């Protein structure tokens, strides 16, 4: 039997962890059965160069799964962390007028820059 997927993007990193169970309960109550996570959470997953932390993500997915909510895990490439942009400023996008983008905006990187990948 196929399932109709109904959900939204959810950013648990923006909320206190104590709130996650209530958020998940309300999502389930609204009929949601899937959420997309983490596409803007690179700085949470890798707070400094080579230091990874997925514990918060495991906990968030556990809370969602406790309400039978599935997760689509995004790749966080749309929002590079500050340490990367500081270490490799050449990764910032160069605008048509020649100015470099600045940190703090989503998609401020140049996807064609080989250092980024």
PDB file of N, CA and C in Angstrom:
ATOM      1  N   UNK A   1       0.844  -1.173   0.000  1.00  0.00           N
ATOM      2  CA  UNK A   1       0.000   0.000   0.000  1.00  0.00           C
ATOM      3  C   UNK A   1       0.892   1.240   0.000  1.00  0.00           C
ATOM      4  N   UNK A   2       0.579   2.187  -0.845  1.00  0.00           N
ATOM      5  CA  UNK A   2       1.371   3.413  -0.891  1.00  0.00           C
ATOM      6  C   UNK A   2       0.880   4.390   0.180  1.00  0.00           C
ATOM      7  N   UNK A   3       1.784   5.265   0.574  1.00  0.00           N
ATOM      8  CA  UNK A   3       1.440   6.245   1.600  1.00  0.00           C
ATOM      9  C   UNK A   3       1.558   7.641   1.000  1.00  0.00           C
ATOM     10  N   UNK A   4       0.585   8.470   1.261  1.00  0.00           N
ATOM     11  CA  UNK A   4       0.658   9.871   0.870  1.00  0.00           C
ATOM     12  C   UNK A   4       1.525  10.583   1.898  1.00  0.00           C
ATOM     13  N   UNK A   5       2.588  11.179   1.439  1.00  0.00           N
ATOM     14  CA  UNK A   5       3.485  11.875   2.346  1.00  0.00           C
ATOM     15  C   UNK A   5       3.041  13.337   2.489  1.00  0.00           C
ATOM     16  N   UNK A   6       2.926  13.746   3.746  1.00  0.00           N
ATOM     17  CA  UNK A   6       2.502  15.107   4.059  1.00  0.00           C
ATOM     18  C   UNK A   6       3.418  15.639   5.151  1.00  0.00           C
ATOM     19  N   UNK A   7       4.090  16.736   4.882  1.00  0.00           N
ATOM     20  CA  UNK A   7       5.006  17.260   5.885  1.00  0.00           C
ATOM     21  C   UNK A   7       5.517  18.636   5.540  1.00  0.00           C
ATOM     22  N   UNK A   8       6.643  18.956   6.118  1.00  0.00           N
ATOM     23  CA  UNK A   8       7.227  20.289   5.948  1.00  0.00           C
ATOM     24  C   UNK A   8       8.702  20.228   6.318  1.00  0.00           C
ATOM     25  N   UNK A   9       9.378  21.343   6.130  1.00  0.00           N
ATOM     26  CA  UNK A   9      10.744  21.475   6.636  1.00  0.00           C
ATOM     27  C   UNK A   9      10.659  21.759   8.135  1.00  0.00           C
ATOM     28  N   UNK A  10      11.601  21.216   8.878  1.00  0.00           N
ATOM     29  CA  UNK A  10      11.653  21.453  10.321  1.00  0.00           C
ATOM     30  C   UNK A  10      13.107  21.697  10.694  1.00  0.00           C
ATOM     31  N   UNK A  11      13.335  22.693  11.524  1.00  0.00           N
ATOM     32  CA  UNK A  11      14.682  23.082  11.911  1.00  0.00           C
ATOM     33  C   UNK A  11      14.839  22.985  13.427  1.00  0.00           C
ATOM     34  N   UNK A  12      15.034  21.781  13.952  1.00  0.00           N
ATOM     35  CA  UNK A  12      15.122  21.631  15.407  1.00  0.00           C
ATOM     36  C   UNK A  12      16.274  22.418  16.019  1.00  0.00           C
ATOM     37  N   UNK A  13      17.309  22.683  15.224  1.00  0.00           N
ATOM     38  CA  UNK A  13      18.447  23.443  15.743  1.00  0.00           C
ATOM     39  C   UNK A  13      18.072  24.884  16.094  1.00  0.00           C
ATOM     40  N   UNK A  14      16.907  25.336  15.664  1.00  0.00           N
ATOM     41  CA  UNK A  14      16.455  26.698  15.970  1.00  0.00           C
ATOM     42  C   UNK A  14      15.610  26.765  17.245  1.00  0.00           C
ATOM     43  N   UNK A  15      15.335  25.612  17.827  1.00  0.00           N
ATOM     44  CA  UNK A  15      14.424  25.567  18.968  1.00  0.00           C
ATOM     45  C   UNK A  15      15.076  24.854  20.140  1.00  0.00           C
ATOM     46  N   UNK A  16      14.670  25.194  21.373  1.00  0.00           N
ATOM     47  CA  UNK A  16      15.184  24.448  22.526  1.00  0.00           C
ATOM     48  C   UNK A  16      14.779  22.975  22.413  1.00  0.00           C
ATOM     49  N   UNK A  17      15.672  22.110  22.794  1.00  0.00           N
ATOM     50  CA  UNK A  17      15.408  20.675  22.671  1.00  0.00           C
ATOM     51  C   UNK A  17      14.167  20.254  23.453  1.00  0.00           C
ATOM     52  N   UNK A  18      13.873  20.935  24.536  1.00  0.00           N
ATOM     53  CA  UNK A  18      12.687  20.595  25.333  1.00  0.00           C
ATOM     54  C   UNK A  18      11.407  20.786  24.529  1.00  0.00           C
ATOM     55  N   UNK A  19      11.457  21.587  23.485  1.00  0.00           N
ATOM     56  CA  UNK A  19      10.268  21.854  22.669  1.00  0.00           C
ATOM     57  C   UNK A  19      10.024  20.772  21.606  1.00  0.00           C
ATOM     58  N   UNK A  20      11.060  20.042  21.228  1.00  0.00           N
ATOM     59  CA  UNK A  20      10.941  19.084  20.127  1.00  0.00           C
ATOM     60  C   UNK A  20       9.802  18.086  20.290  1.00  0.00           C
ATOM     61  N   UNK A  21       9.607  17.482  21.476  1.00  0.00           N
ATOM     62  CA  UNK A  21       8.495  16.523  21.598  1.00  0.00           C
ATOM     63  C   UNK A  21       7.129  17.151  21.319  1.00  0.00           C
ATOM     64  N   UNK A  22       6.932  18.376  21.781  1.00  0.00           N
ATOM     65  CA  UNK A  22       5.654  19.055  21.524  1.00  0.00           C
ATOM     66  C   UNK A  22       5.505  19.366  20.037  1.00  0.00           C
ATOM     67  N   UNK A  23       6.585  19.804  19.402  1.00  0.00           N
ATOM     68  CA  UNK A  23       6.537  20.057  17.957  1.00  0.00           C
ATOM     69  C   UNK A  23       6.153  18.784  17.210  1.00  0.00           C
ATOM     70  N   UNK A  24       6.791  17.678  17.572  1.00  0.00           N
ATOM     71  CA  UNK A  24       6.509  16.405  16.896  1.00  0.00           C
ATOM     72  C   UNK A  24       5.066  15.969  17.137  1.00  0.00           C
ATOM     73  N   UNK A  25       4.584  16.151  18.358  1.00  0.00           N
ATOM     74  CA  UNK A  25       3.198  15.788  18.671  1.00  0.00           C
ATOM     75  C   UNK A  25       2.234  16.612  17.831  1.00  0.00           C
ATOM     76  N   UNK A  26       2.484  17.913  17.734  1.00  0.00           N
ATOM     77  CA  UNK A  26       1.607  18.787  16.950  1.00  0.00           C
ATOM     78  C   UNK A  26       1.659  18.449  15.459  1.00  0.00           C
ATOM     79  N   UNK A  27       2.836  18.100  14.972  1.00  0.00           N
ATOM     80  CA  UNK A  27       2.946  17.685  13.570  1.00  0.00           C
ATOM     81  C   UNK A  27       2.103  16.441  13.315  1.00  0.00           C
ATOM     82  N   UNK A  28       2.248  15.456  14.193  1.00  0.00           N
ATOM     83  CA  UNK A  28       1.483  14.216  14.034  1.00  0.00           C
ATOM     84  C   UNK A  28      -0.013  14.492  14.145  1.00  0.00           C
ATOM     85  N   UNK A  29      -0.381  15.348  15.075  1.00  0.00           N
ATOM     86  CA  UNK A  29      -1.793  15.704  15.252  1.00  0.00           C
ATOM     87  C   UNK A  29      -2.347  16.375  13.992  1.00  0.00           C
ATOM     88  N   UNK A  30      -1.503  17.110  13.284  1.00  0.00           N
ATOM     89  CA  UNK A  30      -1.916  17.779  12.043  1.00  0.00           C
ATOM     90  C   UNK A  30      -1.906  16.829  10.848  1.00  0.00           C
ATOM     91  N   UNK A  31      -1.506  15.582  11.077  1.00  0.00           N
ATOM     92  CA  UNK A  31      -1.496  14.595  10.004  1.00  0.00           C
ATOM     93  C   UNK A  31      -0.176  14.483   9.258  1.00  0.00           C
ATOM     94  N   UNK A  32       0.849  15.183   9.723  1.00  0.00           N
ATOM     95  CA  UNK A  32       2.144  15.090   9.052  1.00  0.00           C
ATOM     96  C   UNK A  32       2.789  13.739   9.330  1.00  0.00           C
ATOM     97  N   UNK A  33       3.444  13.199   8.310  1.00  0.00           N
ATOM     98  CA  UNK A  33       4.131  11.922   8.482  1.00  0.00           C
ATOM     99  C   UNK A  33       5.571  11.957   7.972  1.00  0.00           C
ATOM    100  N   UNK A  34       6.038  13.140   7.567  1.00  0.00           N
ATOM    101  CA  UNK A  34       7.417  13.281   7.092  1.00  0.00           C
ATOM    102  C   UNK A  34       7.871  14.730   7.301  1.00  0.00           C
ATOM    103  N   UNK A  35       9.147  14.897   7.630  1.00  0.00           N
ATOM    104  CA  UNK A  35       9.742  16.231   7.681  1.00  0.00           C
ATOM    105  C   UNK A  35      11.114  16.186   7.014  1.00  0.00           C
ATOM    106  N   UNK A  36      11.513  17.329   6.518  1.00  0.00           N
ATOM    107  CA  UNK A  36      12.854  17.480   5.945  1.00  0.00           C
ATOM    108  C   UNK A  36      13.709  18.200   6.982  1.00  0.00           C
ATOM    109  N   UNK A  37      14.914  17.676   7.221  1.00  0.00           N
ATOM    110  CA  UNK A  37      15.808  18.243   8.233  1.00  0.00           C
ATOM    111  C   UNK A  37      17.183  18.563   7.663  1.00  0.00           C
ATOM    112  N   UNK A  38      17.853  19.483   8.270  1.00  0.00           N
ATOM    113  CA  UNK A  38      19.310  19.675   8.237  1.00  0.00           C
ATOM    114  C   UNK A  38      19.902  20.350   7.010  1.00  0.00           C
ATOM    115  N   UNK A  39      19.111  20.794   6.050  1.00  0.00           N
ATOM    116  CA  UNK A  39      19.741  21.367   4.855  1.00  0.00           C
ATOM    117  C   UNK A  39      20.469  22.683   5.128  1.00  0.00           C
ATOM    118  N   UNK A  40      20.230  23.289   6.281  1.00  0.00           N
ATOM    119  CA  UNK A  40      20.940  24.521   6.642  1.00  0.00           C
ATOM    120  C   UNK A  40      21.727  24.348   7.946  1.00  0.00           C
ATOM    121  N   UNK A  41      22.063  23.132   8.315  1.00  0.00           N
ATOM    122  CA  UNK A  41      22.640  22.866   9.636  1.00  0.00           C
ATOM    123  C   UNK A  41      24.106  22.438   9.614  1.00  0.00           C
ATOM    124  N   UNK A  42      24.838  22.792   8.568  1.00  0.00           N
ATOM    125  CA  UNK A  42      26.242  22.374   8.492  1.00  0.00           C
ATOM    126  C   UNK A  42      27.018  22.827   9.727  1.00  0.00           C
ATOM    127  N   UNK A  43      26.820  24.060  10.171  1.00  0.00           N
ATOM    128  CA  UNK A  43      27.578  24.553  11.329  1.00  0.00           C
ATOM    129  C   UNK A  43      27.222  23.803  12.610  1.00  0.00           C
ATOM    130  N   UNK A  44      26.066  23.178  12.648  1.00  0.00           N
ATOM    131  CA  UNK A  44      25.703  22.337  13.795  1.00  0.00           C
ATOM    132  C   UNK A  44      26.326  20.950  13.665  1.00  0.00           C
ATOM    133  N   UNK A  45      26.421  20.459  12.449  1.00  0.00           N
ATOM    134  CA  UNK A  45      26.986  19.127  12.218  1.00  0.00           C
ATOM    135  C   UNK A  45      28.510  19.124  12.295  1.00  0.00           C
ATOM    136  N   UNK A  46      29.123  20.229  11.867  1.00  0.00           N
ATOM    137  CA  UNK A  46      30.582  20.356  11.900  1.00  0.00           C
ATOM    138  C   UNK A  46      30.916  21.747  12.442  1.00  0.00           C
ATOM    139  N   UNK A  47      30.839  21.915  13.771  1.00  0.00           N
ATOM    140  CA  UNK A  47      31.027  23.239  14.362  1.00  0.00           C
ATOM    141  C   UNK A  47      32.421  23.828  14.149  1.00  0.00           C
ATOM    142  N   UNK A  48      33.409  22.976  13.990  1.00  0.00           N
ATOM    143  CA  UNK A  48      34.751  23.436  13.623  1.00  0.00           C
ATOM    144  C   UNK A  48      35.329  22.417  12.651  1.00  0.00           C
ATOM    145  N   UNK A  49      36.342  22.827  11.942  1.00  0.00           N
ATOM    146  CA  UNK A  49      36.925  22.008  10.884  1.00  0.00           C
ATOM    147  C   UNK A  49      37.288  20.613  11.392  1.00  0.00           C
ATOM    148  N   UNK A  50      36.615  19.603  10.865  1.00  0.00           N
ATOM    149  CA  UNK A  50      36.902  18.215  11.218  1.00  0.00           C
ATOM    150  C   UNK A  50      36.274  17.721  12.506  1.00  0.00           C
ATOM    151  N   UNK A  51      35.555  18.567  13.226  1.00  0.00           N
ATOM    152  CA  UNK A  51      34.878  18.158  14.463  1.00  0.00           C
ATOM    153  C   UNK A  51      33.394  17.991  14.154  1.00  0.00           C
ATOM    154  N   UNK A  52      32.920  16.762  14.225  1.00  0.00           N
ATOM    155  CA  UNK A  52      31.541  16.466  13.842  1.00  0.00           C
ATOM    156  C   UNK A  52      30.688  16.181  15.069  1.00  0.00           C
ATOM    157  N   UNK A  53      29.439  16.599  15.008  1.00  0.00           N
ATOM    158  CA  UNK A  53      28.484  16.351  16.087  1.00  0.00           C
ATOM    159  C   UNK A  53      27.125  16.047  15.468  1.00  0.00           C
ATOM    160  N   UNK A  54      26.751  14.784  15.530  1.00  0.00           N
ATOM    161  CA  UNK A  54      25.451  14.366  15.017  1.00  0.00           C
ATOM    162  C   UNK A  54      24.510  13.948  16.146  1.00  0.00           C
ATOM    163  N   UNK A  55      24.961  14.081  17.388  1.00  0.00           N
ATOM    164  CA  UNK A  55      24.136  13.646  18.520  1.00  0.00           C
ATOM    165  C   UNK A  55      22.797  14.373  18.556  1.00  0.00           C
ATOM    166  N   UNK A  56      22.811  15.693  18.370  1.00  0.00           N
ATOM    167  CA  UNK A  56      21.565  16.469  18.398  1.00  0.00           C
ATOM    168  C   UNK A  56      20.621  16.002  17.297  1.00  0.00           C
ATOM    169  N   UNK A  57      21.190  15.657  16.134  1.00  0.00           N
ATOM    170  CA  UNK A  57      20.379  15.213  15.006  1.00  0.00           C
ATOM    171  C   UNK A  57      19.773  13.838  15.290  1.00  0.00           C
ATOM    172  N   UNK A  58      20.565  12.960  15.897  1.00  0.00           N
ATOM    173  CA  UNK A  58      20.042  11.648  16.298  1.00  0.00           C
ATOM    174  C   UNK A  58      18.882  11.809  17.278  1.00  0.00           C
ATOM    175  N   UNK A  59      19.041  12.717  18.240  1.00  0.00           N
ATOM    176  CA  UNK A  59      17.966  12.937  19.219  1.00  0.00           C
ATOM    177  C   UNK A  59      16.722  13.507  18.547  1.00  0.00           C
ATOM    178  N   UNK A  60      16.907  14.465  17.655  1.00  0.00           N
ATOM    179  CA  UNK A  60      15.759  15.061  16.956  1.00  0.00           C
ATOM    180  C   UNK A  60      15.029  14.011  16.128  1.00  0.00           C
ATOM    181  N   UNK A  61      15.777  13.176  15.417  1.00  0.00           N
ATOM    182  CA  UNK A  61      15.138  12.136  14.602  1.00  0.00           C
ATOM    183  C   UNK A  61      14.434  11.114  15.486  1.00  0.00           C
ATOM    184  N   UNK A  62      14.989  10.828  16.653  1.00  0.00           N
ATOM    185  CA  UNK A  62      14.332   9.922  17.588  1.00  0.00           C
ATOM    186  C   UNK A  62      13.001  10.469  18.072  1.00  0.00           C
ATOM    187  N   UNK A  63      12.969  11.755  18.376  1.00  0.00           N
ATOM    188  CA  UNK A  63      11.720  12.401  18.811  1.00  0.00           C
ATOM    189  C   UNK A  63      10.681  12.327  17.699  1.00  0.00           C
ATOM    190  N   UNK A  64      11.094  12.626  16.474  1.00  0.00           N
ATOM    191  CA  UNK A  64      10.161  12.573  15.345  1.00  0.00           C
ATOM    192  C   UNK A  64       9.685  11.147  15.093  1.00  0.00           C
ATOM    193  N   UNK A  65      10.599  10.205  15.137  1.00  0.00           N
ATOM    194  CA  UNK A  65      10.220   8.803  14.916  1.00  0.00           C
ATOM    195  C   UNK A  65       9.270   8.289  15.989  1.00  0.00           C
ATOM    196  N   UNK A  66       9.361   8.840  17.204  1.00  0.00           N
ATOM    197  CA  UNK A  66       8.447   8.412  18.271  1.00  0.00           C
ATOM    198  C   UNK A  66       7.004   8.778  17.951  1.00  0.00           C
ATOM    199  N   UNK A  67       6.813   9.715  17.022  1.00  0.00           N
ATOM    200  CA  UNK A  67       5.474  10.101  16.568  1.00  0.00           C
ATOM    201  C   UNK A  67       5.187   9.545  15.170  1.00  0.00           C
ATOM    202  N   UNK A  68       5.981   8.555  14.752  1.00  0.00           N
ATOM    203  CA  UNK A  68       5.835   7.933  13.423  1.00  0.00           C
ATOM    204  C   UNK A  68       6.010   8.939  12.291  1.00  0.00           C
ATOM    205  N   UNK A  69       6.890   9.890  12.506  1.00  0.00           N
ATOM    206  CA  UNK A  69       7.207  10.874  11.469  1.00  0.00           C
ATOM    207  C   UNK A  69       8.538  10.479  10.841  1.00  0.00           C
ATOM    208  N   UNK A  70       8.513  10.263   9.534  1.00  0.00           N
ATOM    209  CA  UNK A  70       9.731   9.915   8.814  1.00  0.00           C
ATOM    210  C   UNK A  70      10.551  11.172   8.549  1.00  0.00           C
ATOM    211  N   UNK A  71      11.828  10.968   8.239  1.00  0.00           N
ATOM    212  CA  UNK A  71      12.739  12.088   8.022  1.00  0.00           C
ATOM    213  C   UNK A  71      13.386  11.987   6.651  1.00  0.00           C
ATOM    214  N   UNK A  72      13.378  13.092   5.941  1.00  0.00           N
ATOM    215  CA  UNK A  72      14.193  13.249   4.739  1.00  0.00           C
ATOM    216  C   UNK A  72      15.373  14.103   5.188  1.00  0.00           C
ATOM    217  N   UNK A  73      16.550  13.517   5.187  1.00  0.00           N
ATOM    218  CA  UNK A  73      17.735  14.206   5.678  1.00  0.00           C
ATOM    219  C   UNK A  73      18.402  14.950   4.532  1.00  0.00           C
ATOM    220  N   UNK A  74      18.446  16.264   4.644  1.00  0.00           N
ATOM    221  CA  UNK A  74      19.051  17.085   3.604  1.00  0.00           C
ATOM    222  C   UNK A  74      20.559  17.184   3.765  1.00  0.00           C
ATOM    223  N   UNK A  75      21.230  17.531   2.685  1.00  0.00           N
ATOM    224  CA  UNK A  75      22.655  17.839   2.778  1.00  0.00           C
ATOM    225  C   UNK A  75      22.771  19.327   3.077  1.00  0.00           C
ATOM    226  N   UNK A  76      23.601  19.704   4.031  1.00  0.00           N
ATOM    227  CA  UNK A  76      23.618  21.093   4.491  1.00  0.00           C
ATOM    228  C   UNK A  76      24.484  22.036   3.660  1.00  0.00           C
ATOM    229  N   UNK A  77      24.658  21.745   2.405  1.00  0.00           N
ATOM    230  CA  UNK A  77      25.559  22.542   1.579  1.00  0.00           C
ATOM    231  C   UNK A  77      25.053  23.953   1.294  1.00  0.00           C
ATOM    232  N   UNK A  78      23.796  24.238   1.509  1.00  0.00           N
ATOM    233  CA  UNK A  78      23.247  25.563   1.215  1.00  0.00           C
ATOM    234  C   UNK A  78      23.678  26.626   2.218  1.00  0.00           C
ATOM    235  N   UNK A  79      24.281  26.196   3.309  1.00  0.00           N
ATOM    236  CA  UNK A  79      24.663  27.145   4.351  1.00  0.00           C
ATOM    237  C   UNK A  79      25.994  26.726   4.974  1.00  0.00           C
ATOM    238  N   UNK A  80      27.116  27.053   4.321  1.00  0.00           N
ATOM    239  CA  UNK A  80      28.421  26.662   4.850  1.00  0.00           C
ATOM    240  C   UNK A  80      28.696  27.299   6.212  1.00  0.00           C
ATOM    241  N   UNK A  81      29.466  26.624   7.052  1.00  0.00           N
ATOM    242  CA  UNK A  81      29.741  27.144   8.391  1.00  0.00           C
ATOM    243  C   UNK A  81      30.741  28.304   8.372  1.00  0.00           C
ATOM    244  N   UNK A  82      30.727  29.118   9.423  1.00  0.00           N
ATOM    245  CA  UNK A  82      31.640  30.268   9.479  1.00  0.00           C
ATOM    246  C   UNK A  82      33.109  29.882   9.352  1.00  0.00           C
ATOM    247  N   UNK A  83      33.500  28.763   9.973  1.00  0.00           N
ATOM    248  CA  UNK A  83      34.918  28.395   9.920  1.00  0.00           C
ATOM    249  C   UNK A  83      35.377  28.141   8.488  1.00  0.00           C
ATOM    250  N   UNK A  84      34.510  27.564   7.653  1.00  0.00           N
ATOM    251  CA  UNK A  84      34.888  27.298   6.263  1.00  0.00           C
ATOM    252  C   UNK A  84      35.042  28.604   5.491  1.00  0.00           C
ATOM    253  N   UNK A  85      34.099  29.502   5.672  1.00  0.00           N
ATOM    254  CA  UNK A  85      34.126  30.755   4.932  1.00  0.00           C
ATOM    255  C   UNK A  85      35.282  31.647   5.396  1.00  0.00           C
ATOM    256  N   UNK A  86      35.653  31.534   6.653  1.00  0.00           N
ATOM    257  CA  UNK A  86      36.790  32.290   7.172  1.00  0.00           C
ATOM    258  C   UNK A  86      38.109  31.708   6.657  1.00  0.00           C
ATOM    259  N   UNK A  87      38.188  30.399   6.644  1.00  0.00           N
ATOM    260  CA  UNK A  87      39.403  29.702   6.206  1.00  0.00           C
ATOM    261  C   UNK A  87      39.597  29.798   4.697  1.00  0.00           C
ATOM    262  N   UNK A  88      38.497  29.824   3.955  1.00  0.00           N
ATOM    263  CA  UNK A  88      38.544  29.831   2.489  1.00  0.00           C
ATOM    264  C   UNK A  88      37.613  30.913   1.929  1.00  0.00           C
ATOM    265  N   UNK A  89      37.971  32.198   2.065  1.00  0.00           N
ATOM    266  CA  UNK A  89      37.085  33.259   1.574  1.00  0.00           C
ATOM    267  C   UNK A  89      36.853  33.202   0.067  1.00  0.00           C
ATOM    268  N   UNK A  90      37.716  32.505  -0.649  1.00  0.00           N
ATOM    269  CA  UNK A  90      37.526  32.374  -2.098  1.00  0.00           C
ATOM    270  C   UNK A  90      36.268  31.589  -2.446  1.00  0.00           C
ATOM    271  N   UNK A  91      35.698  30.933  -1.464  1.00  0.00           N
ATOM    272  CA  UNK A  91      34.479  30.151  -1.677  1.00  0.00           C
ATOM    273  C   UNK A  91      33.246  31.052  -1.801  1.00  0.00           C
ATOM    274  N   UNK A  92      33.320  32.274  -1.251  1.00  0.00           N
ATOM    275  CA  UNK A  92      32.181  33.189  -1.369  1.00  0.00           C
ATOM    276  C   UNK A  92      31.868  33.470  -2.837  1.00  0.00           C
ATOM    277  N   UNK A  93      30.604  33.558  -3.128  1.00  0.00           N
ATOM    278  CA  UNK A  93      30.141  33.897  -4.466  1.00  0.00           C
ATOM    279  C   UNK A  93      30.571  35.326  -4.804  1.00  0.00           C
ATOM    280  N   UNK A  94      30.954  35.529  -6.058  1.00  0.00           N
ATOM    281  CA  UNK A  94      31.254  36.871  -6.552  1.00  0.00           C
ATOM    282  C   UNK A  94      30.045  37.319  -7.368  1.00  0.00           C
ATOM    283  N   UNK A  95      29.496  38.442  -6.982  1.00  0.00           N
ATOM    284  CA  UNK A  95      28.291  38.956  -7.650  1.00  0.00           C
ATOM    285  C   UNK A  95      28.642  39.596  -8.997  1.00  0.00           C
ATOM    286  N   UNK A  96      27.624  39.870  -9.779  1.00  0.00           N
ATOM    287  CA  UNK A  96      27.831  40.462 -11.106  1.00  0.00           C
ATOM    288  C   UNK A  96      28.625  41.758 -11.051  1.00  0.00           C
ATOM    289  N   UNK A  97      28.457  42.519  -9.967  1.00  0.00           N
ATOM    290  CA  UNK A  97      29.173  43.799  -9.853  1.00  0.00           C
ATOM    291  C   UNK A  97      30.587  43.637  -9.297  1.00  0.00           C
ATOM    292  N   UNK A  98      31.017  42.386  -9.092  1.00  0.00           N
ATOM    293  CA  UNK A  98      32.372  42.117  -8.623  1.00  0.00           C
ATOM    294  C   UNK A  98      32.525  42.024  -7.119  1.00  0.00           C
ATOM    295  N   UNK A  99      31.470  42.328  -6.369  1.00  0.00           N
ATOM    296  CA  UNK A  99      31.542  42.234  -4.907  1.00  0.00           C
ATOM    297  C   UNK A  99      31.345  40.788  -4.468  1.00  0.00           C
ATOM    298  N   UNK A 100      32.095  40.407  -3.438  1.00  0.00           N
ATOM    299  CA  UNK A 100      31.922  39.071  -2.866  1.00  0.00           C
ATOM    300  C   UNK A 100      30.733  39.071  -1.912  1.00  0.00           C
ATOM    301  N   UNK A 101      30.026  37.971  -1.889  1.00  0.00           N
ATOM    302  CA  UNK A 101      28.950  37.797  -0.905  1.00  0.00           C
ATOM    303  C   UNK A 101      29.588  37.751   0.482  1.00  0.00           C
ATOM    304  N   UNK A 102      28.790  37.942   1.499  1.00  0.00           N
ATOM    305  CA  UNK A 102      29.292  37.904   2.869  1.00  0.00           C
ATOM    306  C   UNK A 102      28.620  36.783   3.637  1.00  0.00           C
ATOM    307  N   UNK A 103      29.251  36.390   4.735  1.00  0.00           N
ATOM    308  CA  UNK A 103      28.695  35.314   5.546  1.00  0.00           C
ATOM    309  C   UNK A 103      27.404  35.774   6.208  1.00  0.00           C
ATOM    310  N   UNK A 104      26.495  34.840   6.379  1.00  0.00           N
ATOM    311  CA  UNK A 104      25.233  35.120   7.053  1.00  0.00           C
ATOM    312  C   UNK A 104      24.037  34.916   6.154  1.00  0.00           C
ATOM    313  N   UNK A 105      24.283  34.800   4.876  1.00  0.00           N
ATOM    314  CA  UNK A 105      23.196  34.545   3.931  1.00  0.00           C
ATOM    315  C   UNK A 105      23.272  33.108   3.439  1.00  0.00           C
ATOM    316  N   UNK A 106      22.149  32.546   3.175  1.00  0.00           N
ATOM    317  CA  UNK A 106      22.130  31.212   2.572  1.00  0.00           C
ATOM    318  C   UNK A 106      22.574  31.325   1.127  1.00  0.00           C
ATOM    319  N   UNK A 107      23.204  30.288   0.690  1.00  0.00           N
ATOM    320  CA  UNK A 107      23.689  30.189  -0.696  1.00  0.00           C
ATOM    321  C   UNK A 107      24.614  31.357  -1.067  1.00  0.00           C
ATOM    322  N   UNK A 108      25.488  31.739  -0.155  1.00  0.00           N
ATOM    323  CA  UNK A 108      26.449  32.812  -0.409  1.00  0.00           C
ATOM    324  C   UNK A 108      27.748  32.266  -1.003  1.00  0.00           C
ATOM    325  N   UNK A 109      27.787  30.988  -1.253  1.00  0.00           N
ATOM    326  CA  UNK A 109      28.985  30.329  -1.772  1.00  0.00           C
ATOM    327  C   UNK A 109      28.909  30.222  -3.292  1.00  0.00           C
ATOM    328  N   UNK A 110      30.048  29.945  -3.891  1.00  0.00           N
ATOM    329  CA  UNK A 110      30.100  29.708  -5.333  1.00  0.00           C
ATOM    330  C   UNK A 110      30.147  28.201  -5.567  1.00  0.00           C
ATOM    331  N   UNK A 111      29.106  27.614  -6.119  1.00  0.00           N
ATOM    332  CA  UNK A 111      29.077  26.160  -6.288  1.00  0.00           C
ATOM    333  C   UNK A 111      30.107  25.649  -7.293  1.00  0.00           C
ATOM    334  N   UNK A 112      30.681  26.538  -8.078  1.00  0.00           N
ATOM    335  CA  UNK A 112      31.695  26.100  -9.044  1.00  0.00           C
ATOM    336  C   UNK A 112      33.104  26.175  -8.478  1.00  0.00           C
ATOM    337  N   UNK A 113      33.242  26.698  -7.274  1.00  0.00           N
ATOM    338  CA  UNK A 113      34.568  26.801  -6.677  1.00  0.00           C
ATOM    339  C   UNK A 113      35.028  25.418  -6.221  1.00  0.00           C
ATOM    340  N   UNK A 114      36.162  24.920  -6.725  1.00  0.00           N
ATOM    341  CA  UNK A 114      36.600  23.565  -6.373  1.00  0.00           C
ATOM    342  C   UNK A 114      36.931  23.400  -4.892  1.00  0.00           C
ATOM    343  N   UNK A 115      37.312  24.469  -4.211  1.00  0.00           N
ATOM    344  CA  UNK A 115      37.605  24.375  -2.781  1.00  0.00           C
ATOM    345  C   UNK A 115      36.358  24.016  -1.993  1.00  0.00           C
ATOM    346  N   UNK A 116      35.218  24.491  -2.465  1.00  0.00           N
ATOM    347  CA  UNK A 116      33.960  24.224  -1.759  1.00  0.00           C
ATOM    348  C   UNK A 116      33.649  22.733  -1.707  1.00  0.00           C
ATOM    349  N   UNK A 117      33.977  22.036  -2.748  1.00  0.00           N
ATOM    350  CA  UNK A 117      33.665  20.613  -2.833  1.00  0.00           C
ATOM    351  C   UNK A 117      34.837  19.784  -2.391  1.00  0.00           C
TER     352      UNK A 117
END
